[in-house]
Amino acid sequence: MQHEKVCISPKNGFTLIELLVVILIIGILTSVAIPQYQKAIEKSRATQAVTLLKTVAEALEVYHMTNGDYNTNFSKLNVDMASWTGNSKWFESVSLRDTRSNENWSLQLLDSPEGAGVYVGRLSGNYRGTGFVYYLFRRDGDLPIKKILCMERRRLGVSYSGEPGSYCHRVWKGQDVNYPGTSAYVFTFR
């Protein structure tokens, strides 16, 4: 009589320790990836607003070359503002002549003896109170003109509650202009 050999093979599978290590690695990767993903999403949304800011600034320049002064009303500009039907203000100032807004952003025309420009500011979300400005001219010469500046509003409108520089510097890699007396932290782009 011949005996058959019985081989007991080890069970295929993972131990609890191996599963915990995999879960830990996934958790670490997620904690690193999610903030970077959120930054990328924010940059995408803000890039759309900055594009509109540039378009309005260019339309203001064309209006100025044609008429000799800066326009104070969006309806006189050749810019599609169909989805910007609100009037919520990001910045409060008597120098602001016209405001258009949607659920996330406020777009404002600035015209005063001190300068002219365009503001676009965040009204909602994690970065509420942040925004961008493009000055067409400034009499004081303290802030750059014809350059997009990132702003974190501290007062006079929708205020940013984050750490100074946590949006403009960390998300956009801006450099602090250190403009005293302004109602916002101002950054230029590198």
C-alpha atoms as a PDB file:
ATOM      1  CA  MET A   1       0.000   0.000   0.000  1.00  0.00           C
ATOM      2  CA  GLN A   2       1.347   3.281  -1.024  1.00  0.00           C
ATOM      3  CA  HIS A   3       0.930   6.324   1.163  1.00  0.00           C
ATOM      4  CA  GLU A   4       0.117   9.631  -0.382  1.00  0.00           C
ATOM      5  CA  LYS A   5       2.014  12.600   0.817  1.00  0.00           C
ATOM      6  CA  VAL A   6      -0.158  15.377   2.008  1.00  0.00           C
ATOM      7  CA  CYS A   7       1.342  18.803   1.599  1.00  0.00           C
ATOM      8  CA  ILE A   8      -0.085  21.600   3.600  1.00  0.00           C
ATOM      9  CA  SER A   9       0.505  24.816   1.760  1.00  0.00           C
ATOM     10  CA  PRO A  10       0.588  28.096   3.601  1.00  0.00           C
ATOM     11  CA  LYS A  11      -2.579  30.159   3.343  1.00  0.00           C
ATOM     12  CA  ASN A  12      -2.452  32.919   0.807  1.00  0.00           C
ATOM     13  CA  GLY A  13      -3.342  36.311   2.264  1.00  0.00           C
ATOM     14  CA  PHE A  14      -2.106  39.230   4.271  1.00  0.00           C
ATOM     15  CA  THR A  15      -1.450  39.507   7.939  1.00  0.00           C
ATOM     16  CA  LEU A  16      -3.040  42.215  10.011  1.00  0.00           C
ATOM     17  CA  ILE A  17       0.301  43.983  10.318  1.00  0.00           C
ATOM     18  CA  GLU A  18       0.740  44.063   6.543  1.00  0.00           C
ATOM     19  CA  LEU A  19      -2.751  45.536   6.100  1.00  0.00           C
ATOM     20  CA  LEU A  20      -2.089  48.184   8.754  1.00  0.00           C
ATOM     21  CA  VAL A  21       1.171  49.170   7.061  1.00  0.00           C
ATOM     22  CA  VAL A  22      -0.596  49.543   3.702  1.00  0.00           C
ATOM     23  CA  ILE A  23      -3.363  51.636   5.278  1.00  0.00           C
ATOM     24  CA  LEU A  24      -0.747  53.817   6.992  1.00  0.00           C
ATOM     25  CA  ILE A  25       1.100  54.375   3.710  1.00  0.00           C
ATOM     26  CA  ILE A  26      -2.143  55.288   1.920  1.00  0.00           C
ATOM     27  CA  GLY A  27      -2.992  57.717   4.743  1.00  0.00           C
ATOM     28  CA  ILE A  28       0.391  59.431   4.496  1.00  0.00           C
ATOM     29  CA  LEU A  29       0.148  59.744   0.717  1.00  0.00           C
ATOM     30  CA  THR A  30      -3.372  61.143   1.010  1.00  0.00           C
ATOM     31  CA  SER A  31      -2.340  63.721   3.618  1.00  0.00           C
ATOM     32  CA  VAL A  32       0.335  64.967   1.230  1.00  0.00           C
ATOM     33  CA  ALA A  33      -1.743  64.806  -1.959  1.00  0.00           C
ATOM     34  CA  ILE A  34      -4.994  66.450  -0.815  1.00  0.00           C
ATOM     35  CA  PRO A  35      -3.495  69.885   0.021  1.00  0.00           C
ATOM     36  CA  GLN A  36      -1.661  69.905  -3.313  1.00  0.00           C
ATOM     37  CA  TYR A  37      -4.887  68.963  -5.094  1.00  0.00           C
ATOM     38  CA  GLN A  38      -6.769  71.750  -3.294  1.00  0.00           C
ATOM     39  CA  LYS A  39      -4.054  74.240  -4.294  1.00  0.00           C
ATOM     40  CA  ALA A  40      -4.356  73.145  -7.916  1.00  0.00           C
ATOM     41  CA  ILE A  41      -8.153  73.539  -7.833  1.00  0.00           C
ATOM     42  CA  GLU A  42      -7.836  77.004  -6.262  1.00  0.00           C
ATOM     43  CA  LYS A  43      -5.282  78.097  -8.840  1.00  0.00           C
ATOM     44  CA  SER A  44      -7.614  76.972 -11.602  1.00  0.00           C
ATOM     45  CA  ARG A  45     -10.568  78.923 -10.194  1.00  0.00           C
ATOM     46  CA  ALA A  46      -8.492  82.015  -9.499  1.00  0.00           C
ATOM     47  CA  THR A  47      -6.903  81.856 -12.953  1.00  0.00           C
ATOM     48  CA  GLN A  48     -10.370  82.258 -14.466  1.00  0.00           C
ATOM     49  CA  ALA A  49     -10.937  85.364 -12.319  1.00  0.00           C
ATOM     50  CA  VAL A  50      -7.501  86.771 -13.193  1.00  0.00           C
ATOM     51  CA  THR A  51      -8.216  86.222 -16.886  1.00  0.00           C
ATOM     52  CA  LEU A  52     -11.400  88.281 -16.554  1.00  0.00           C
ATOM     53  CA  LEU A  53      -9.434  90.919 -14.615  1.00  0.00           C
ATOM     54  CA  LYS A  54      -6.959  91.196 -17.507  1.00  0.00           C
ATOM     55  CA  THR A  55      -9.782  91.370 -20.055  1.00  0.00           C
ATOM     56  CA  VAL A  56     -11.497  94.212 -18.169  1.00  0.00           C
ATOM     57  CA  ALA A  57      -8.177  96.041 -17.723  1.00  0.00           C
ATOM     58  CA  GLU A  58      -7.509  95.809 -21.458  1.00  0.00           C
ATOM     59  CA  ALA A  59     -11.034  97.077 -22.202  1.00  0.00           C
ATOM     60  CA  LEU A  60     -10.416 100.005 -19.829  1.00  0.00           C
ATOM     61  CA  GLU A  61      -7.178 100.829 -21.645  1.00  0.00           C
ATOM     62  CA  VAL A  62      -8.991 100.798 -25.009  1.00  0.00           C
ATOM     63  CA  TYR A  63     -11.730 103.025 -23.561  1.00  0.00           C
ATOM     64  CA  HIS A  64      -9.078 105.398 -22.179  1.00  0.00           C
ATOM     65  CA  MET A  65      -7.272 105.639 -25.523  1.00  0.00           C
ATOM     66  CA  THR A  66     -10.559 106.321 -27.306  1.00  0.00           C
ATOM     67  CA  ASN A  67     -12.177 108.734 -24.827  1.00  0.00           C
ATOM     68  CA  GLY A  68      -9.321 110.218 -22.801  1.00  0.00           C
ATOM     69  CA  ASP A  69     -10.561 109.045 -19.408  1.00  0.00           C
ATOM     70  CA  TYR A  70     -11.082 105.800 -17.550  1.00  0.00           C
ATOM     71  CA  ASN A  71     -14.539 104.312 -17.712  1.00  0.00           C
ATOM     72  CA  THR A  72     -16.465 103.880 -14.476  1.00  0.00           C
ATOM     73  CA  ASN A  73     -19.213 101.579 -15.698  1.00  0.00           C
ATOM     74  CA  PHE A  74     -19.073  97.975 -16.899  1.00  0.00           C
ATOM     75  CA  SER A  75     -21.907  98.563 -19.376  1.00  0.00           C
ATOM     76  CA  LYS A  76     -19.626 100.833 -21.431  1.00  0.00           C
ATOM     77  CA  LEU A  77     -16.937  98.165 -21.782  1.00  0.00           C
ATOM     78  CA  ASN A  78     -16.802  95.577 -24.526  1.00  0.00           C
ATOM     79  CA  VAL A  79     -16.683  92.647 -22.060  1.00  0.00           C
ATOM     80  CA  ASP A  80     -19.196  89.829 -21.626  1.00  0.00           C
ATOM     81  CA  MET A  81     -20.516  90.124 -18.062  1.00  0.00           C
ATOM     82  CA  ALA A  82     -23.668  88.019 -18.506  1.00  0.00           C
ATOM     83  CA  SER A  83     -23.030  85.736 -15.516  1.00  0.00           C
ATOM     84  CA  TRP A  84     -21.966  88.635 -13.270  1.00  0.00           C
ATOM     85  CA  THR A  85     -25.382  89.962 -12.249  1.00  0.00           C
ATOM     86  CA  GLY A  86     -24.899  90.659  -8.523  1.00  0.00           C
ATOM     87  CA  ASN A  87     -23.497  93.698  -6.765  1.00  0.00           C
ATOM     88  CA  SER A  88     -21.730  92.189  -3.715  1.00  0.00           C
ATOM     89  CA  LYS A  89     -18.600  94.165  -2.895  1.00  0.00           C
ATOM     90  CA  TRP A  90     -15.251  92.632  -2.001  1.00  0.00           C
ATOM     91  CA  PHE A  91     -13.725  96.042  -1.234  1.00  0.00           C
ATOM     92  CA  GLU A  92     -15.587  98.971   0.299  1.00  0.00           C
ATOM     93  CA  SER A  93     -14.418 102.376  -0.929  1.00  0.00           C
ATOM     94  CA  VAL A  94     -15.937 105.574  -2.255  1.00  0.00           C
ATOM     95  CA  SER A  95     -13.476 105.304  -5.154  1.00  0.00           C
ATOM     96  CA  LEU A  96     -15.172 102.184  -6.484  1.00  0.00           C
ATOM     97  CA  ARG A  97     -17.511 103.152  -9.289  1.00  0.00           C
ATOM     98  CA  ASP A  98     -19.148  99.919 -10.406  1.00  0.00           C
ATOM     99  CA  THR A  99     -19.374  96.388  -9.017  1.00  0.00           C
ATOM    100  CA  ARG A 100     -20.449  93.117 -10.562  1.00  0.00           C
ATOM    101  CA  SER A 101     -20.432  89.802  -8.766  1.00  0.00           C
ATOM    102  CA  ASN A 102     -21.355  86.158  -9.045  1.00  0.00           C
ATOM    103  CA  GLU A 103     -21.676  83.636  -6.209  1.00  0.00           C
ATOM    104  CA  ASN A 104     -17.885  83.400  -5.721  1.00  0.00           C
ATOM    105  CA  TRP A 105     -16.255  86.599  -6.954  1.00  0.00           C
ATOM    106  CA  SER A 106     -16.691  90.368  -6.978  1.00  0.00           C
ATOM    107  CA  LEU A 107     -15.327  92.472  -9.844  1.00  0.00           C
ATOM    108  CA  GLN A 108     -14.952  96.205  -9.205  1.00  0.00           C
ATOM    109  CA  LEU A 109     -13.826  99.288 -11.136  1.00  0.00           C
ATOM    110  CA  LEU A 110     -11.688 101.757  -9.208  1.00  0.00           C
ATOM    111  CA  ASP A 111     -11.509 105.384 -10.296  1.00  0.00           C
ATOM    112  CA  SER A 112     -10.229 108.167  -8.083  1.00  0.00           C
ATOM    113  CA  PRO A 113      -7.752 111.052  -8.275  1.00  0.00           C
ATOM    114  CA  GLU A 114      -5.183 108.676  -6.741  1.00  0.00           C
ATOM    115  CA  GLY A 115      -5.542 106.001  -9.390  1.00  0.00           C
ATOM    116  CA  ALA A 116      -7.613 103.734 -11.576  1.00  0.00           C
ATOM    117  CA  GLY A 117      -7.778  99.983 -11.729  1.00  0.00           C
ATOM    118  CA  VAL A 118      -9.738  96.768 -11.452  1.00  0.00           C
ATOM    119  CA  TYR A 119     -10.257  94.525  -8.428  1.00  0.00           C
ATOM    120  CA  VAL A 120     -11.457  90.925  -8.413  1.00  0.00           C
ATOM    121  CA  GLY A 121     -11.979  89.409  -4.981  1.00  0.00           C
ATOM    122  CA  ARG A 122     -13.165  86.141  -3.486  1.00  0.00           C
ATOM    123  CA  LEU A 123     -16.564  86.342  -1.739  1.00  0.00           C
ATOM    124  CA  SER A 124     -16.852  82.720  -0.575  1.00  0.00           C
ATOM    125  CA  GLY A 125     -14.913  79.547   0.147  1.00  0.00           C
ATOM    126  CA  ASN A 126     -11.727  78.801   2.056  1.00  0.00           C
ATOM    127  CA  TYR A 127      -9.940  81.790   0.558  1.00  0.00           C
ATOM    128  CA  ARG A 128     -12.726  84.327   1.159  1.00  0.00           C
ATOM    129  CA  GLY A 129     -11.228  87.822   1.296  1.00  0.00           C
ATOM    130  CA  THR A 130      -8.373  87.167  -1.122  1.00  0.00           C
ATOM    131  CA  GLY A 131      -8.189  88.648  -4.574  1.00  0.00           C
ATOM    132  CA  PHE A 132      -6.241  90.445  -7.247  1.00  0.00           C
ATOM    133  CA  VAL A 133      -5.822  94.030  -8.414  1.00  0.00           C
ATOM    134  CA  TYR A 134      -4.524  95.601 -11.587  1.00  0.00           C
ATOM    135  CA  TYR A 135      -3.756  99.329 -11.379  1.00  0.00           C
ATOM    136  CA  LEU A 136      -3.819 101.256 -14.648  1.00  0.00           C
ATOM    137  CA  PHE A 137      -2.189 104.221 -12.931  1.00  0.00           C
ATOM    138  CA  ARG A 138      -1.432 105.427  -9.383  1.00  0.00           C
ATOM    139  CA  ARG A 139      -0.325 108.893  -8.410  1.00  0.00           C
ATOM    140  CA  ASP A 140       1.523 107.828  -5.239  1.00  0.00           C
ATOM    141  CA  GLY A 141       3.807 105.389  -7.067  1.00  0.00           C
ATOM    142  CA  ASP A 142       3.954 103.041  -4.071  1.00  0.00           C
ATOM    143  CA  LEU A 143       2.371 100.061  -5.803  1.00  0.00           C
ATOM    144  CA  PRO A 144       3.303  98.759  -9.245  1.00  0.00           C
ATOM    145  CA  ILE A 145       1.048  99.650 -12.154  1.00  0.00           C
ATOM    146  CA  LYS A 146       0.035  97.455 -15.071  1.00  0.00           C
ATOM    147  CA  LYS A 147       0.950  94.388 -13.087  1.00  0.00           C
ATOM    148  CA  ILE A 148      -1.359  91.937 -11.338  1.00  0.00           C
ATOM    149  CA  LEU A 149      -1.021  92.028  -7.574  1.00  0.00           C
ATOM    150  CA  CYS A 150      -2.361  89.421  -5.178  1.00  0.00           C
ATOM    151  CA  MET A 151      -4.165  90.777  -2.096  1.00  0.00           C
ATOM    152  CA  GLU A 152      -5.307  89.396   1.220  1.00  0.00           C
ATOM    153  CA  ARG A 153      -7.883  91.895   2.472  1.00  0.00           C
ATOM    154  CA  ARG A 154      -7.609  92.832   6.191  1.00  0.00           C
ATOM    155  CA  ARG A 155     -10.403  95.391   6.398  1.00  0.00           C
ATOM    156  CA  LEU A 156     -12.696  97.614   4.314  1.00  0.00           C
ATOM    157  CA  GLY A 157     -14.686  94.811   2.827  1.00  0.00           C
ATOM    158  CA  VAL A 158     -14.576  91.028   2.863  1.00  0.00           C
ATOM    159  CA  SER A 159     -11.657  90.170   5.159  1.00  0.00           C
ATOM    160  CA  TYR A 160      -9.328  87.211   4.848  1.00  0.00           C
ATOM    161  CA  SER A 161      -9.104  85.241   8.088  1.00  0.00           C
ATOM    162  CA  GLY A 162      -6.001  83.194   7.212  1.00  0.00           C
ATOM    163  CA  GLU A 163      -2.420  83.842   8.221  1.00  0.00           C
ATOM    164  CA  PRO A 164      -0.842  86.733   6.294  1.00  0.00           C
ATOM    165  CA  GLY A 165       0.795  85.264   3.215  1.00  0.00           C
ATOM    166  CA  SER A 166      -0.979  81.922   3.422  1.00  0.00           C
ATOM    167  CA  TYR A 167      -2.760  82.583   0.125  1.00  0.00           C
ATOM    168  CA  CYS A 168      -0.668  84.967  -1.924  1.00  0.00           C
ATOM    169  CA  HIS A 169       2.712  83.660  -0.814  1.00  0.00           C
ATOM    170  CA  ARG A 170       2.064  79.959  -0.307  1.00  0.00           C
ATOM    171  CA  VAL A 171      -0.431  79.328  -3.118  1.00  0.00           C
ATOM    172  CA  TRP A 172       0.820  81.868  -5.670  1.00  0.00           C
ATOM    173  CA  LYS A 173       4.487  82.205  -4.608  1.00  0.00           C
ATOM    174  CA  GLY A 174       4.070  85.962  -4.344  1.00  0.00           C
ATOM    175  CA  GLN A 175       6.552  88.320  -2.754  1.00  0.00           C
ATOM    176  CA  ASP A 176       5.324  90.734  -0.054  1.00  0.00           C
ATOM    177  CA  VAL A 177       5.319  94.346  -1.256  1.00  0.00           C
ATOM    178  CA  ASN A 178       5.103  95.614   2.348  1.00  0.00           C
ATOM    179  CA  TYR A 179       2.889  98.571   1.538  1.00  0.00           C
ATOM    180  CA  PRO A 180       2.054 100.274   4.859  1.00  0.00           C
ATOM    181  CA  GLY A 181      -1.331 101.866   5.281  1.00  0.00           C
ATOM    182  CA  THR A 182      -3.124  99.620   2.825  1.00  0.00           C
ATOM    183  CA  SER A 183      -6.175  97.670   3.860  1.00  0.00           C
ATOM    184  CA  ALA A 184      -4.705  94.414   2.533  1.00  0.00           C
ATOM    185  CA  TYR A 185      -1.497  92.429   2.416  1.00  0.00           C
ATOM    186  CA  VAL A 186      -0.171  92.951  -1.111  1.00  0.00           C
ATOM    187  CA  PHE A 187       2.066  90.567  -3.060  1.00  0.00           C
ATOM    188  CA  THR A 188       3.704  90.657  -6.459  1.00  0.00           C
ATOM    189  CA  PHE A 189       4.283  87.515  -8.488  1.00  0.00           C
ATOM    190  CA  ARG A 190       7.797  86.200  -8.958  1.00  0.00           C
END
